[in-house]
């Protein structure tokens, strides 16, 4: 079950604090009153924690290809795998990364 954040709409000395977390089903209606003190509350929209890769090797290990522009029509493949060209030329398909190594059914 998800945990939702709620905020009291009025000043309160409730033991749950001004902002509190409450575990409830996604099918439950949002709380309108604090379950502890009974004062009005509203549900907050909380930021989610999304973990993103930080390094080129992490990107490569997750199956991504990262090309960095070096000149007009010339890119460096900073996530090149074994057998792939480190330099990619726009007009030379043989230098393109082999996506069959990273994409599968």
PDB file of N, CA and C in Angstrom:
ATOM      1  N   UNK A   1       0.841  -1.186   0.000  1.00  0.00           N
ATOM      2  CA  UNK A   1       0.000   0.000   0.000  1.00  0.00           C
ATOM      3  C   UNK A   1       0.884   1.248   0.000  1.00  0.00           C
ATOM      4  N   UNK A   2       0.484   2.253  -0.776  1.00  0.00           N
ATOM      5  CA  UNK A   2       1.269   3.481  -0.813  1.00  0.00           C
ATOM      6  C   UNK A   2       1.127   4.304   0.458  1.00  0.00           C
ATOM      7  N   UNK A   3       2.115   5.153   0.674  1.00  0.00           N
ATOM      8  CA  UNK A   3       2.085   6.082   1.801  1.00  0.00           C
ATOM      9  C   UNK A   3       1.881   7.477   1.235  1.00  0.00           C
ATOM     10  N   UNK A   4       0.866   8.169   1.706  1.00  0.00           N
ATOM     11  CA  UNK A   4       0.544   9.512   1.245  1.00  0.00           C
ATOM     12  C   UNK A   4       0.922  10.531   2.308  1.00  0.00           C
ATOM     13  N   UNK A   5       1.287  11.730   1.852  1.00  0.00           N
ATOM     14  CA  UNK A   5       1.587  12.828   2.765  1.00  0.00           C
ATOM     15  C   UNK A   5       0.373  13.742   2.852  1.00  0.00           C
ATOM     16  N   UNK A   6       0.075  14.151   4.053  1.00  0.00           N
ATOM     17  CA  UNK A   6      -1.032  15.079   4.302  1.00  0.00           C
ATOM     18  C   UNK A   6      -0.523  16.260   5.112  1.00  0.00           C
ATOM     19  N   UNK A   7      -1.191  17.399   4.931  1.00  0.00           N
ATOM     20  CA  UNK A   7      -0.828  18.612   5.647  1.00  0.00           C
ATOM     21  C   UNK A   7      -2.079  19.174   6.315  1.00  0.00           C
ATOM     22  N   UNK A   8      -1.934  19.573   7.579  1.00  0.00           N
ATOM     23  CA  UNK A   8      -3.035  20.224   8.278  1.00  0.00           C
ATOM     24  C   UNK A   8      -3.292  21.590   7.644  1.00  0.00           C
ATOM     25  N   UNK A   9      -4.558  21.949   7.461  1.00  0.00           N
ATOM     26  CA  UNK A   9      -4.907  23.242   6.873  1.00  0.00           C
ATOM     27  C   UNK A   9      -4.917  24.352   7.918  1.00  0.00           C
ATOM     28  N   UNK A  10      -5.000  23.968   9.188  1.00  0.00           N
ATOM     29  CA  UNK A  10      -4.998  24.937  10.281  1.00  0.00           C
ATOM     30  C   UNK A  10      -3.825  24.621  11.197  1.00  0.00           C
ATOM     31  N   UNK A  11      -3.393  25.615  11.948  1.00  0.00           N
ATOM     32  CA  UNK A  11      -2.344  25.345  12.940  1.00  0.00           C
ATOM     33  C   UNK A  11      -2.887  24.353  13.945  1.00  0.00           C
ATOM     34  N   UNK A  12      -2.037  23.427  14.324  1.00  0.00           N
ATOM     35  CA  UNK A  12      -2.481  22.389  15.245  1.00  0.00           C
ATOM     36  C   UNK A  12      -1.317  21.937  16.123  1.00  0.00           C
ATOM     37  N   UNK A  13      -1.666  21.406  17.253  1.00  0.00           N
ATOM     38  CA  UNK A  13      -0.646  20.807  18.124  1.00  0.00           C
ATOM     39  C   UNK A  13      -0.822  19.290  18.126  1.00  0.00           C
ATOM     40  N   UNK A  14      -1.324  18.783  17.000  1.00  0.00           N
ATOM     41  CA  UNK A  14      -1.577  17.352  16.836  1.00  0.00           C
ATOM     42  C   UNK A  14      -0.269  16.575  16.976  1.00  0.00           C
ATOM     43  N   UNK A  15      -0.343  15.413  17.567  1.00  0.00           N
ATOM     44  CA  UNK A  15       0.849  14.592  17.771  1.00  0.00           C
ATOM     45  C   UNK A  15       1.441  14.099  16.450  1.00  0.00           C
ATOM     46  N   UNK A  16       0.653  14.121  15.364  1.00  0.00           N
ATOM     47  CA  UNK A  16       1.163  13.682  14.060  1.00  0.00           C
ATOM     48  C   UNK A  16       2.000  14.763  13.378  1.00  0.00           C
ATOM     49  N   UNK A  17       1.954  16.000  13.881  1.00  0.00           N
ATOM     50  CA  UNK A  17       2.718  17.097  13.297  1.00  0.00           C
ATOM     51  C   UNK A  17       1.930  17.819  12.226  1.00  0.00           C
ATOM     52  N   UNK A  18       2.498  18.913  11.696  1.00  0.00           N
ATOM     53  CA  UNK A  18       1.805  19.695  10.672  1.00  0.00           C
ATOM     54  C   UNK A  18       1.677  18.906   9.374  1.00  0.00           C
ATOM     55  N   UNK A  19       2.730  18.188   9.008  1.00  0.00           N
ATOM     56  CA  UNK A  19       2.707  17.307   7.836  1.00  0.00           C
ATOM     57  C   UNK A  19       2.954  15.890   8.338  1.00  0.00           C
ATOM     58  N   UNK A  20       2.121  14.952   7.884  1.00  0.00           N
ATOM     59  CA  UNK A  20       2.266  13.573   8.338  1.00  0.00           C
ATOM     60  C   UNK A  20       2.032  12.612   7.187  1.00  0.00           C
ATOM     61  N   UNK A  21       2.494  11.382   7.349  1.00  0.00           N
ATOM     62  CA  UNK A  21       2.313  10.335   6.349  1.00  0.00           C
ATOM     63  C   UNK A  21       1.215   9.384   6.804  1.00  0.00           C
ATOM     64  N   UNK A  22       0.458   8.874   5.814  1.00  0.00           N
ATOM     65  CA  UNK A  22      -0.621   7.946   6.134  1.00  0.00           C
ATOM     66  C   UNK A  22      -0.675   6.862   5.070  1.00  0.00           C
ATOM     67  N   UNK A  23      -0.645   5.608   5.514  1.00  0.00           N
ATOM     68  CA  UNK A  23      -0.690   4.480   4.595  1.00  0.00           C
ATOM     69  C   UNK A  23      -2.139   4.142   4.287  1.00  0.00           C
ATOM     70  N   UNK A  24      -2.467   4.108   2.976  1.00  0.00           N
ATOM     71  CA  UNK A  24      -3.822   3.745   2.572  1.00  0.00           C
ATOM     72  C   UNK A  24      -3.799   3.184   1.158  1.00  0.00           C
ATOM     73  N   UNK A  25      -4.822   2.473   0.803  1.00  0.00           N
ATOM     74  CA  UNK A  25      -4.942   1.871  -0.522  1.00  0.00           C
ATOM     75  C   UNK A  25      -5.134   2.958  -1.572  1.00  0.00           C
ATOM     76  N   UNK A  26      -4.716   2.664  -2.803  1.00  0.00           N
ATOM     77  CA  UNK A  26      -4.931   3.613  -3.887  1.00  0.00           C
ATOM     78  C   UNK A  26      -6.421   3.778  -4.179  1.00  0.00           C
ATOM     79  N   UNK A  27      -7.230   2.814  -3.764  1.00  0.00           N
ATOM     80  CA  UNK A  27      -8.675   2.883  -3.987  1.00  0.00           C
ATOM     81  C   UNK A  27      -9.396   3.712  -2.920  1.00  0.00           C
ATOM     82  N   UNK A  28      -8.717   3.996  -1.797  1.00  0.00           N
ATOM     83  CA  UNK A  28      -9.332   4.792  -0.731  1.00  0.00           C
ATOM     84  C   UNK A  28      -9.429   6.248  -1.154  1.00  0.00           C
ATOM     85  N   UNK A  29     -10.475   6.910  -0.676  1.00  0.00           N
ATOM     86  CA  UNK A  29     -10.609   8.342  -0.924  1.00  0.00           C
ATOM     87  C   UNK A  29      -9.581   9.089  -0.074  1.00  0.00           C
ATOM     88  N   UNK A  30      -9.082  10.233  -0.589  1.00  0.00           N
ATOM     89  CA  UNK A  30      -8.134  11.013   0.214  1.00  0.00           C
ATOM     90  C   UNK A  30      -8.769  11.454   1.534  1.00  0.00           C
ATOM     91  N   UNK A  31      -7.959  11.528   2.570  1.00  0.00           N
ATOM     92  CA  UNK A  31      -8.441  11.998   3.863  1.00  0.00           C
ATOM     93  C   UNK A  31      -8.838  13.468   3.749  1.00  0.00           C
ATOM     94  N   UNK A  32      -9.869  13.853   4.446  1.00  0.00           N
ATOM     95  CA  UNK A  32     -10.247  15.264   4.535  1.00  0.00           C
ATOM     96  C   UNK A  32     -10.049  15.759   5.962  1.00  0.00           C
ATOM     97  N   UNK A  33      -9.952  14.817   6.895  1.00  0.00           N
ATOM     98  CA  UNK A  33      -9.746  15.137   8.302  1.00  0.00           C
ATOM     99  C   UNK A  33      -8.615  14.274   8.844  1.00  0.00           C
ATOM    100  N   UNK A  34      -7.847  14.844   9.747  1.00  0.00           N
ATOM    101  CA  UNK A  34      -6.755  14.114  10.385  1.00  0.00           C
ATOM    102  C   UNK A  34      -7.333  12.966  11.204  1.00  0.00           C
ATOM    103  N   UNK A  35      -6.810  11.745  11.039  1.00  0.00           N
ATOM    104  CA  UNK A  35      -7.323  10.610  11.798  1.00  0.00           C
ATOM    105  C   UNK A  35      -6.991  10.697  13.288  1.00  0.00           C
ATOM    106  N   UNK A  36      -6.094  11.605  13.691  1.00  0.00           N
ATOM    107  CA  UNK A  36      -5.700  11.714  15.093  1.00  0.00           C
ATOM    108  C   UNK A  36      -6.484  12.819  15.796  1.00  0.00           C
ATOM    109  N   UNK A  37      -6.468  14.033  15.192  1.00  0.00           N
ATOM    110  CA  UNK A  37      -7.102  15.167  15.872  1.00  0.00           C
ATOM    111  C   UNK A  37      -8.434  15.590  15.247  1.00  0.00           C
ATOM    112  N   UNK A  38      -8.738  15.124  14.047  1.00  0.00           N
ATOM    113  CA  UNK A  38     -10.010  15.442  13.413  1.00  0.00           C
ATOM    114  C   UNK A  38     -10.047  16.784  12.681  1.00  0.00           C
ATOM    115  N   UNK A  39      -8.935  17.503  12.642  1.00  0.00           N
ATOM    116  CA  UNK A  39      -8.899  18.797  11.943  1.00  0.00           C
ATOM    117  C   UNK A  39      -8.762  18.575  10.429  1.00  0.00           C
ATOM    118  N   UNK A  40      -9.143  19.580   9.606  1.00  0.00           N
ATOM    119  CA  UNK A  40      -9.075  19.421   8.151  1.00  0.00           C
ATOM    120  C   UNK A  40      -7.629  19.287   7.640  1.00  0.00           C
ATOM    121  N   UNK A  41      -7.475  18.408   6.652  1.00  0.00           N
ATOM    122  CA  UNK A  41      -6.169  18.173   6.041  1.00  0.00           C
ATOM    123  C   UNK A  41      -6.324  18.108   4.520  1.00  0.00           C
ATOM    124  N   UNK A  42      -5.198  18.238   3.830  1.00  0.00           N
ATOM    125  CA  UNK A  42      -5.195  18.029   2.382  1.00  0.00           C
ATOM    126  C   UNK A  42      -4.030  17.126   2.040  1.00  0.00           C
ATOM    127  N   UNK A  43      -4.203  16.365   0.963  1.00  0.00           N
ATOM    128  CA  UNK A  43      -3.143  15.468   0.524  1.00  0.00           C
ATOM    129  C   UNK A  43      -2.146  16.272  -0.310  1.00  0.00           C
ATOM    130  N   UNK A  44      -0.866  16.028  -0.081  1.00  0.00           N
ATOM    131  CA  UNK A  44       0.196  16.717  -0.795  1.00  0.00           C
ATOM    132  C   UNK A  44       0.698  15.861  -1.954  1.00  0.00           C
ATOM    133  N   UNK A  45       1.211  16.522  -2.959  1.00  0.00           N
ATOM    134  CA  UNK A  45       1.876  15.815  -4.047  1.00  0.00           C
ATOM    135  C   UNK A  45       3.353  15.798  -3.707  1.00  0.00           C
ATOM    136  N   UNK A  46       3.887  14.614  -3.517  1.00  0.00           N
ATOM    137  CA  UNK A  46       5.280  14.462  -3.105  1.00  0.00           C
ATOM    138  C   UNK A  46       6.144  14.109  -4.298  1.00  0.00           C
ATOM    139  N   UNK A  47       7.380  14.586  -4.319  1.00  0.00           N
ATOM    140  CA  UNK A  47       8.283  14.193  -5.402  1.00  0.00           C
ATOM    141  C   UNK A  47       8.639  12.716  -5.269  1.00  0.00           C
ATOM    142  N   UNK A  48       8.807  12.070  -6.404  1.00  0.00           N
ATOM    143  CA  UNK A  48       9.193  10.660  -6.386  1.00  0.00           C
ATOM    144  C   UNK A  48      10.696  10.552  -6.481  1.00  0.00           C
ATOM    145  N   UNK A  49      11.224   9.471  -5.984  1.00  0.00           N
ATOM    146  CA  UNK A  49      12.657   9.234  -6.034  1.00  0.00           C
ATOM    147  C   UNK A  49      12.961   8.382  -7.256  1.00  0.00           C
ATOM    148  N   UNK A  50      13.606   8.995  -8.243  1.00  0.00           N
ATOM    149  CA  UNK A  50      13.975   8.279  -9.453  1.00  0.00           C
ATOM    150  C   UNK A  50      15.490   8.203  -9.508  1.00  0.00           C
ATOM    151  N   UNK A  51      15.978   7.007  -9.580  1.00  0.00           N
ATOM    152  CA  UNK A  51      17.420   6.804  -9.642  1.00  0.00           C
ATOM    153  C   UNK A  51      17.847   6.769 -11.108  1.00  0.00           C
ATOM    154  N   UNK A  52      18.746   7.654 -11.482  1.00  0.00           N
ATOM    155  CA  UNK A  52      19.231   7.685 -12.861  1.00  0.00           C
ATOM    156  C   UNK A  52      20.714   7.337 -12.882  1.00  0.00           C
ATOM    157  N   UNK A  53      21.151   6.698 -13.967  1.00  0.00           N
ATOM    158  CA  UNK A  53      22.572   6.368 -14.062  1.00  0.00           C
ATOM    159  C   UNK A  53      23.416   7.633 -14.083  1.00  0.00           C
ATOM    160  N   UNK A  54      24.567   7.582 -13.461  1.00  0.00           N
ATOM    161  CA  UNK A  54      25.433   8.750 -13.350  1.00  0.00           C
ATOM    162  C   UNK A  54      26.632   8.688 -14.288  1.00  0.00           C
ATOM    163  N   UNK A  55      27.105   7.509 -14.606  1.00  0.00           N
ATOM    164  CA  UNK A  55      28.316   7.396 -15.406  1.00  0.00           C
ATOM    165  C   UNK A  55      28.015   6.740 -16.752  1.00  0.00           C
ATOM    166  N   UNK A  56      28.937   6.908 -17.689  1.00  0.00           N
ATOM    167  CA  UNK A  56      28.777   6.302 -19.009  1.00  0.00           C
ATOM    168  C   UNK A  56      28.762   4.783 -18.918  1.00  0.00           C
ATOM    169  N   UNK A  57      29.563   4.217 -18.027  1.00  0.00           N
ATOM    170  CA  UNK A  57      29.577   2.756 -17.900  1.00  0.00           C
ATOM    171  C   UNK A  57      28.252   2.242 -17.336  1.00  0.00           C
ATOM    172  N   UNK A  58      27.620   2.999 -16.431  1.00  0.00           N
ATOM    173  CA  UNK A  58      26.299   2.604 -15.935  1.00  0.00           C
ATOM    174  C   UNK A  58      25.276   2.641 -17.058  1.00  0.00           C
ATOM    175  N   UNK A  59      25.339   3.668 -17.900  1.00  0.00           N
ATOM    176  CA  UNK A  59      24.436   3.742 -19.057  1.00  0.00           C
ATOM    177  C   UNK A  59      24.643   2.535 -19.966  1.00  0.00           C
ATOM    178  N   UNK A  60      25.892   2.223 -20.270  1.00  0.00           N
ATOM    179  CA  UNK A  60      26.206   1.098 -21.147  1.00  0.00           C
ATOM    180  C   UNK A  60      25.686  -0.212 -20.555  1.00  0.00           C
ATOM    181  N   UNK A  61      25.912  -0.412 -19.252  1.00  0.00           N
ATOM    182  CA  UNK A  61      25.472  -1.648 -18.595  1.00  0.00           C
ATOM    183  C   UNK A  61      23.955  -1.803 -18.590  1.00  0.00           C
ATOM    184  N   UNK A  62      23.244  -0.673 -18.667  1.00  0.00           N
ATOM    185  CA  UNK A  62      21.782  -0.723 -18.717  1.00  0.00           C
ATOM    186  C   UNK A  62      21.253  -0.833 -20.140  1.00  0.00           C
ATOM    187  N   UNK A  63      22.167  -0.866 -21.129  1.00  0.00           N
ATOM    188  CA  UNK A  63      21.760  -1.059 -22.516  1.00  0.00           C
ATOM    189  C   UNK A  63      21.593   0.222 -23.311  1.00  0.00           C
ATOM    190  N   UNK A  64      22.013   1.360 -22.769  1.00  0.00           N
ATOM    191  CA  UNK A  64      21.896   2.623 -23.477  1.00  0.00           C
ATOM    192  C   UNK A  64      23.150   2.903 -24.291  1.00  0.00           C
ATOM    193  N   UNK A  65      22.983   3.731 -25.332  1.00  0.00           N
ATOM    194  CA  UNK A  65      24.097   4.209 -26.129  1.00  0.00           C
ATOM    195  C   UNK A  65      24.112   5.722 -26.030  1.00  0.00           C
ATOM    196  N   UNK A  66      25.262   6.299 -25.711  1.00  0.00           N
ATOM    197  CA  UNK A  66      25.393   7.746 -25.584  1.00  0.00           C
ATOM    198  C   UNK A  66      26.408   8.249 -26.605  1.00  0.00           C
ATOM    199  N   UNK A  67      25.925   9.129 -27.495  1.00  0.00           N
ATOM    200  CA  UNK A  67      26.780   9.736 -28.500  1.00  0.00           C
ATOM    201  C   UNK A  67      26.982  11.196 -28.136  1.00  0.00           C
ATOM    202  N   UNK A  68      28.232  11.650 -28.156  1.00  0.00           N
ATOM    203  CA  UNK A  68      28.579  13.027 -27.838  1.00  0.00           C
ATOM    204  C   UNK A  68      29.114  13.677 -29.114  1.00  0.00           C
ATOM    205  N   UNK A  69      28.495  14.792 -29.511  1.00  0.00           N
ATOM    206  CA  UNK A  69      28.907  15.470 -30.735  1.00  0.00           C
ATOM    207  C   UNK A  69      30.308  16.059 -30.573  1.00  0.00           C
ATOM    208  N   UNK A  70      31.191  15.746 -31.531  1.00  0.00           N
ATOM    209  CA  UNK A  70      32.556  16.249 -31.504  1.00  0.00           C
ATOM    210  C   UNK A  70      32.816  17.228 -32.650  1.00  0.00           C
ATOM    211  N   UNK A  71      32.117  17.085 -33.768  1.00  0.00           N
ATOM    212  CA  UNK A  71      32.282  17.954 -34.929  1.00  0.00           C
ATOM    213  C   UNK A  71      31.009  17.812 -35.766  1.00  0.00           C
ATOM    214  N   UNK A  72      30.909  18.546 -36.849  1.00  0.00           N
ATOM    215  CA  UNK A  72      29.735  18.462 -37.703  1.00  0.00           C
ATOM    216  C   UNK A  72      29.648  17.061 -38.314  1.00  0.00           C
ATOM    217  N   UNK A  73      28.691  16.290 -37.890  1.00  0.00           N
ATOM    218  CA  UNK A  73      28.507  14.929 -38.396  1.00  0.00           C
ATOM    219  C   UNK A  73      29.421  13.897 -37.783  1.00  0.00           C
ATOM    220  N   UNK A  74      30.170  14.268 -36.755  1.00  0.00           N
ATOM    221  CA  UNK A  74      31.087  13.331 -36.087  1.00  0.00           C
ATOM    222  C   UNK A  74      30.715  13.254 -34.609  1.00  0.00           C
ATOM    223  N   UNK A  75      30.532  12.030 -34.113  1.00  0.00           N
ATOM    224  CA  UNK A  75      30.127  11.803 -32.733  1.00  0.00           C
ATOM    225  C   UNK A  75      31.048  10.783 -32.086  1.00  0.00           C
ATOM    226  N   UNK A  76      31.245  10.936 -30.783  1.00  0.00           N
ATOM    227  CA  UNK A  76      32.005   9.940 -30.031  1.00  0.00           C
ATOM    228  C   UNK A  76      31.016   9.049 -29.293  1.00  0.00           C
ATOM    229  N   UNK A  77      31.179   7.748 -29.470  1.00  0.00           N
ATOM    230  CA  UNK A  77      30.342   6.783 -28.763  1.00  0.00           C
ATOM    231  C   UNK A  77      31.019   6.505 -27.422  1.00  0.00           C
ATOM    232  N   UNK A  78      30.589   7.225 -26.387  1.00  0.00           N
ATOM    233  CA  UNK A  78      31.236   7.093 -25.076  1.00  0.00           C
ATOM    234  C   UNK A  78      30.799   5.835 -24.331  1.00  0.00           C
ATOM    235  N   UNK A  79      29.830   5.114 -24.879  1.00  0.00           N
ATOM    236  CA  UNK A  79      29.379   3.863 -24.274  1.00  0.00           C
ATOM    237  C   UNK A  79      29.663   2.679 -25.196  1.00  0.00           C
ATOM    238  N   UNK A  80      30.676   2.793 -26.063  1.00  0.00           N
ATOM    239  CA  UNK A  80      30.978   1.745 -27.046  1.00  0.00           C
ATOM    240  C   UNK A  80      31.237   0.412 -26.361  1.00  0.00           C
ATOM    241  N   UNK A  81      30.671  -0.620 -26.951  1.00  0.00           N
ATOM    242  CA  UNK A  81      30.891  -1.982 -26.484  1.00  0.00           C
ATOM    243  C   UNK A  81      31.989  -2.623 -27.336  1.00  0.00           C
ATOM    244  N   UNK A  82      32.412  -3.787 -26.942  1.00  0.00           N
ATOM    245  CA  UNK A  82      33.456  -4.494 -27.681  1.00  0.00           C
ATOM    246  C   UNK A  82      33.032  -4.680 -29.141  1.00  0.00           C
ATOM    247  N   UNK A  83      33.912  -4.289 -30.056  1.00  0.00           N
ATOM    248  CA  UNK A  83      33.631  -4.434 -31.483  1.00  0.00           C
ATOM    249  C   UNK A  83      32.945  -3.232 -32.102  1.00  0.00           C
ATOM    250  N   UNK A  84      32.529  -2.249 -31.314  1.00  0.00           N
ATOM    251  CA  UNK A  84      31.879  -1.057 -31.851  1.00  0.00           C
ATOM    252  C   UNK A  84      32.900   0.063 -32.025  1.00  0.00           C
ATOM    253  N   UNK A  85      32.642   0.912 -33.001  1.00  0.00           N
ATOM    254  CA  UNK A  85      33.514   2.044 -33.268  1.00  0.00           C
ATOM    255  C   UNK A  85      33.324   3.109 -32.192  1.00  0.00           C
ATOM    256  N   UNK A  86      34.419   3.705 -31.735  1.00  0.00           N
ATOM    257  CA  UNK A  86      34.340   4.796 -30.757  1.00  0.00           C
ATOM    258  C   UNK A  86      33.943   6.107 -31.439  1.00  0.00           C
ATOM    259  N   UNK A  87      34.161   6.190 -32.762  1.00  0.00           N
ATOM    260  CA  UNK A  87      33.815   7.388 -33.515  1.00  0.00           C
ATOM    261  C   UNK A  87      32.706   7.030 -34.491  1.00  0.00           C
ATOM    262  N   UNK A  88      31.634   7.828 -34.489  1.00  0.00           N
ATOM    263  CA  UNK A  88      30.488   7.591 -35.362  1.00  0.00           C
ATOM    264  C   UNK A  88      30.401   8.750 -36.344  1.00  0.00           C
ATOM    265  N   UNK A  89      30.367   8.390 -37.630  1.00  0.00           N
ATOM    266  CA  UNK A  89      30.221   9.396 -38.684  1.00  0.00           C
ATOM    267  C   UNK A  89      28.809   9.318 -39.236  1.00  0.00           C
ATOM    268  N   UNK A  90      28.174  10.478 -39.368  1.00  0.00           N
ATOM    269  CA  UNK A  90      26.787  10.556 -39.819  1.00  0.00           C
ATOM    270  C   UNK A  90      26.574   9.843 -41.150  1.00  0.00           C
ATOM    271  N   UNK A  91      27.513   9.943 -42.080  1.00  0.00           N
ATOM    272  CA  UNK A  91      27.331   9.402 -43.422  1.00  0.00           C
ATOM    273  C   UNK A  91      27.945   8.016 -43.621  1.00  0.00           C
ATOM    274  N   UNK A  92      28.395   7.388 -42.533  1.00  0.00           N
ATOM    275  CA  UNK A  92      29.012   6.068 -42.640  1.00  0.00           C
ATOM    276  C   UNK A  92      28.310   5.081 -41.702  1.00  0.00           C
ATOM    277  N   UNK A  93      27.270   4.390 -42.203  1.00  0.00           N
ATOM    278  CA  UNK A  93      26.487   3.475 -41.358  1.00  0.00           C
ATOM    279  C   UNK A  93      27.309   2.382 -40.689  1.00  0.00           C
ATOM    280  N   UNK A  94      28.442   2.016 -41.269  1.00  0.00           N
ATOM    281  CA  UNK A  94      29.258   0.952 -40.658  1.00  0.00           C
ATOM    282  C   UNK A  94      29.850   1.381 -39.315  1.00  0.00           C
ATOM    283  N   UNK A  95      29.821   2.690 -39.026  1.00  0.00           N
ATOM    284  CA  UNK A  95      30.322   3.171 -37.737  1.00  0.00           C
ATOM    285  C   UNK A  95      29.219   3.284 -36.688  1.00  0.00           C
ATOM    286  N   UNK A  96      27.956   3.083 -37.086  1.00  0.00           N
ATOM    287  CA  UNK A  96      26.830   3.199 -36.144  1.00  0.00           C
ATOM    288  C   UNK A  96      26.893   2.087 -35.100  1.00  0.00           C
ATOM    289  N   UNK A  97      26.426   2.344 -33.876  1.00  0.00           N
ATOM    290  CA  UNK A  97      26.378   1.296 -32.843  1.00  0.00           C
ATOM    291  C   UNK A  97      25.465   0.147 -33.277  1.00  0.00           C
ATOM    292  N   UNK A  98      25.818  -1.067 -32.904  1.00  0.00           N
ATOM    293  CA  UNK A  98      25.022  -2.247 -33.226  1.00  0.00           C
ATOM    294  C   UNK A  98      23.939  -2.411 -32.156  1.00  0.00           C
ATOM    295  N   UNK A  99      22.726  -1.944 -32.466  1.00  0.00           N
ATOM    296  CA  UNK A  99      21.642  -1.977 -31.488  1.00  0.00           C
ATOM    297  C   UNK A  99      21.137  -3.385 -31.217  1.00  0.00           C
ATOM    298  N   UNK A 100      21.462  -4.323 -32.070  1.00  0.00           N
ATOM    299  CA  UNK A 100      21.034  -5.709 -31.827  1.00  0.00           C
ATOM    300  C   UNK A 100      21.691  -6.280 -30.577  1.00  0.00           C
ATOM    301  N   UNK A 101      22.812  -5.673 -30.152  1.00  0.00           N
ATOM    302  CA  UNK A 101      23.480  -6.131 -28.943  1.00  0.00           C
ATOM    303  C   UNK A 101      22.742  -5.669 -27.680  1.00  0.00           C
ATOM    304  N   UNK A 102      21.936  -4.626 -27.814  1.00  0.00           N
ATOM    305  CA  UNK A 102      21.273  -4.068 -26.627  1.00  0.00           C
ATOM    306  C   UNK A 102      19.768  -4.242 -26.637  1.00  0.00           C
ATOM    307  N   UNK A 103      19.167  -4.433 -27.815  1.00  0.00           N
ATOM    308  CA  UNK A 103      17.708  -4.561 -27.910  1.00  0.00           C
ATOM    309  C   UNK A 103      17.367  -6.014 -28.171  1.00  0.00           C
ATOM    310  N   UNK A 104      16.488  -6.553 -27.339  1.00  0.00           N
ATOM    311  CA  UNK A 104      16.056  -7.935 -27.534  1.00  0.00           C
ATOM    312  C   UNK A 104      14.566  -8.037 -27.275  1.00  0.00           C
ATOM    313  N   UNK A 105      13.976  -9.102 -27.739  1.00  0.00           N
ATOM    314  CA  UNK A 105      12.533  -9.316 -27.520  1.00  0.00           C
ATOM    315  C   UNK A 105      12.268  -9.810 -26.134  1.00  0.00           C
TER     316      UNK A 105
END
